[in-house]
Structures are given as C-alpha cells and as structure tokens.
Amino acid sequence: MPKCPKCGEDIDSLKLVETKETEYDVSYDEEGEALDFNQTEEWHGNPTGSVIKEEYFCPLCKTVIFDNGDAAKTFLSGIREKVIKQLYEELGREPTESEIQTSLKSIDESMG
C-alpha cells in the first residue's frame, strides 16, 4: 500500500480538488438587483467551467501530493513499488522495506 510522502501513513485513496474557471455576464439595476446573470460559453478560448487546476491531497494530513491525474494513478496503483522490486530482482535479490521506502523517497525528492 502506498505511503503518504509527507506524513508516512498508509493511504489507499487521495482527495481530489478541481478548480474551475467560469465566466458570467452580469448586470444590475440602480437598486442593486441582478438583471442578468448568464454563464458564457467560452472564456479565454476554453469552454466555461473547464478545470484549470487539479490537486490531489493525502486524506489524512491534507498535504497536496500531486497536481495531475496520471501521477496520482501511478502512485495509488503501486507501479513505483513494482518497478523498484523488479530492479532489485534483476540484481538477484529482494529489496527490504527500508530500501523500497528510501527509493520512493528519492523519487519523490527528485520530482520536486
């Protein structure tokens, strides 16, 4: 099971927060009552309501771990651990849990 790189706890899911950009045409009368409040079709060439930012958080410590779905999927699927284990198998031995965690930490640090 993957471990949060910040708090070190085992996690089997992440929390996703999407930020969307939406444009409205708004107008008010002299008393401040809304006359028009319509969502536009497009904003800066993108369909209005488009996701402009994704953040994947640890559900326990609330730290942002990833900013894209591919990285989150790779992390949660355990692919990194499988690759590390395969590399050690090519060396003719099983990695210890400590070696796996050290390798994962090095990967996380190298990715910023």
Protein backbone atom coordinates (compact mmCIF):
# COMPACT_ATOMS: atom_id res chain seq x y z
CA MET A 1 0.00 0.00 0.00
CA PRO A 2 1.35 3.48 -0.84
CA LYS A 3 2.53 5.75 1.94
CA CYS A 4 1.99 9.50 2.05
CA PRO A 5 5.38 11.13 1.39
CA LYS A 6 4.58 13.82 4.00
CA CYS A 7 3.02 12.00 6.98
CA GLY A 8 4.25 8.48 6.18
CA GLU A 9 0.83 6.87 6.76
CA ASP A 10 -0.55 4.12 4.54
CA ILE A 11 -3.21 5.51 2.20
CA ASP A 12 -5.38 3.79 -0.38
CA SER A 13 -7.03 6.90 -1.81
CA LEU A 14 -6.46 10.60 -2.38
CA LYS A 15 -8.81 13.59 -2.17
CA LEU A 16 -9.17 15.48 -5.46
CA VAL A 17 -9.98 19.20 -5.57
CA GLU A 18 -10.65 20.69 -9.00
CA THR A 19 -10.59 24.43 -9.62
CA LYS A 20 -12.80 25.50 -12.49
CA GLU A 21 -12.91 28.78 -14.35
CA THR A 22 -16.35 30.10 -15.20
CA GLU A 23 -17.33 33.41 -16.77
CA TYR A 24 -20.68 35.15 -16.35
CA ASP A 25 -22.24 38.22 -17.95
CA VAL A 26 -23.68 40.20 -15.03
CA SER A 27 -25.67 43.40 -14.88
CA TYR A 28 -27.58 45.18 -12.09
CA ASP A 29 -30.23 47.86 -11.89
CA GLU A 30 -29.89 51.09 -9.94
CA GLU A 31 -31.09 49.42 -6.72
CA GLY A 32 -28.51 46.63 -6.96
CA GLU A 33 -30.94 43.95 -8.15
CA ALA A 34 -29.50 41.48 -10.64
CA LEU A 35 -30.90 42.00 -14.12
CA ASP A 36 -28.72 39.48 -15.89
CA PHE A 37 -26.56 36.65 -14.63
CA ASN A 38 -25.74 34.31 -17.53
CA GLN A 39 -22.88 31.89 -17.85
CA THR A 40 -20.94 32.47 -21.07
CA GLU A 41 -19.99 29.70 -23.45
CA GLU A 42 -16.26 30.39 -23.57
CA TRP A 43 -13.57 32.14 -21.54
CA HIS A 44 -10.08 32.77 -22.97
CA GLY A 45 -10.66 30.16 -25.66
CA ASN A 46 -11.70 27.40 -23.22
CA PRO A 47 -15.24 26.21 -22.59
CA THR A 48 -16.51 27.95 -19.48
CA GLY A 49 -16.47 25.63 -16.48
CA SER A 50 -13.23 23.95 -17.64
CA VAL A 51 -10.94 22.50 -15.00
CA ILE A 52 -7.88 24.73 -14.76
CA LYS A 53 -6.19 23.10 -11.77
CA GLU A 54 -6.22 19.69 -10.05
CA GLU A 55 -4.79 18.97 -6.61
CA TYR A 56 -4.61 15.51 -5.06
CA PHE A 57 -4.39 15.58 -1.25
CA CYS A 58 -3.47 12.99 1.36
CA PRO A 59 -6.80 12.20 3.08
CA LEU A 60 -5.06 12.12 6.48
CA CYS A 61 -2.65 15.08 6.64
CA LYS A 62 -4.30 17.14 3.86
CA THR A 63 -0.96 17.77 2.10
CA VAL A 64 -1.06 18.27 -1.68
CA ILE A 65 0.83 15.32 -3.14
CA PHE A 66 0.13 15.60 -6.88
CA ASP A 67 -1.20 18.11 -9.37
CA ASN A 68 -2.21 15.71 -12.14
CA GLY A 69 -4.23 12.55 -12.50
CA ASP A 70 -1.51 10.47 -14.15
CA ALA A 71 0.86 10.90 -11.21
CA ALA A 72 -1.93 10.13 -8.73
CA LYS A 73 -2.91 6.99 -10.65
CA THR A 74 0.71 5.79 -10.77
CA PHE A 75 1.11 6.43 -7.04
CA LEU A 76 -2.09 4.66 -5.99
CA SER A 77 -1.63 1.70 -8.33
CA GLY A 78 1.70 0.80 -6.72
CA ILE A 79 3.55 0.87 -10.04
CA ARG A 80 6.57 2.61 -8.49
CA GLU A 81 6.97 -0.13 -5.89
CA LYS A 82 6.66 -2.81 -8.59
CA VAL A 83 9.39 -1.18 -10.68
CA ILE A 84 11.70 -0.91 -7.65
CA LYS A 85 11.13 -4.59 -6.83
CA GLN A 86 11.84 -5.59 -10.46
CA LEU A 87 15.11 -3.65 -10.42
CA TYR A 88 16.21 -5.45 -7.26
CA GLU A 89 15.16 -8.80 -8.75
CA GLU A 90 17.42 -8.07 -11.72
CA LEU A 91 20.21 -7.67 -9.16
CA GLY A 92 19.32 -11.11 -7.85
CA ARG A 93 17.65 -10.24 -4.55
CA GLU A 94 14.51 -8.96 -2.85
CA PRO A 95 14.56 -5.38 -1.58
CA THR A 96 13.95 -4.75 2.09
CA GLU A 97 11.05 -2.50 3.11
CA SER A 98 13.62 0.11 4.10
CA GLU A 99 15.22 0.02 0.64
CA ILE A 100 11.82 0.40 -1.01
CA GLN A 101 10.93 3.39 1.17
CA THR A 102 14.34 5.00 0.61
CA SER A 103 13.94 4.56 -3.16
CA LEU A 104 10.43 6.03 -3.08
CA LYS A 105 11.65 9.00 -1.04
CA SER A 106 14.45 9.61 -3.57
CA ILE A 107 11.93 9.51 -6.42
CA ASP A 108 9.63 11.96 -4.62
CA GLU A 109 12.53 14.35 -3.89
CA SER A 110 13.78 14.22 -7.47
CA MET A 111 10.30 15.12 -8.74
CA GLY A 112 10.26 18.26 -6.62
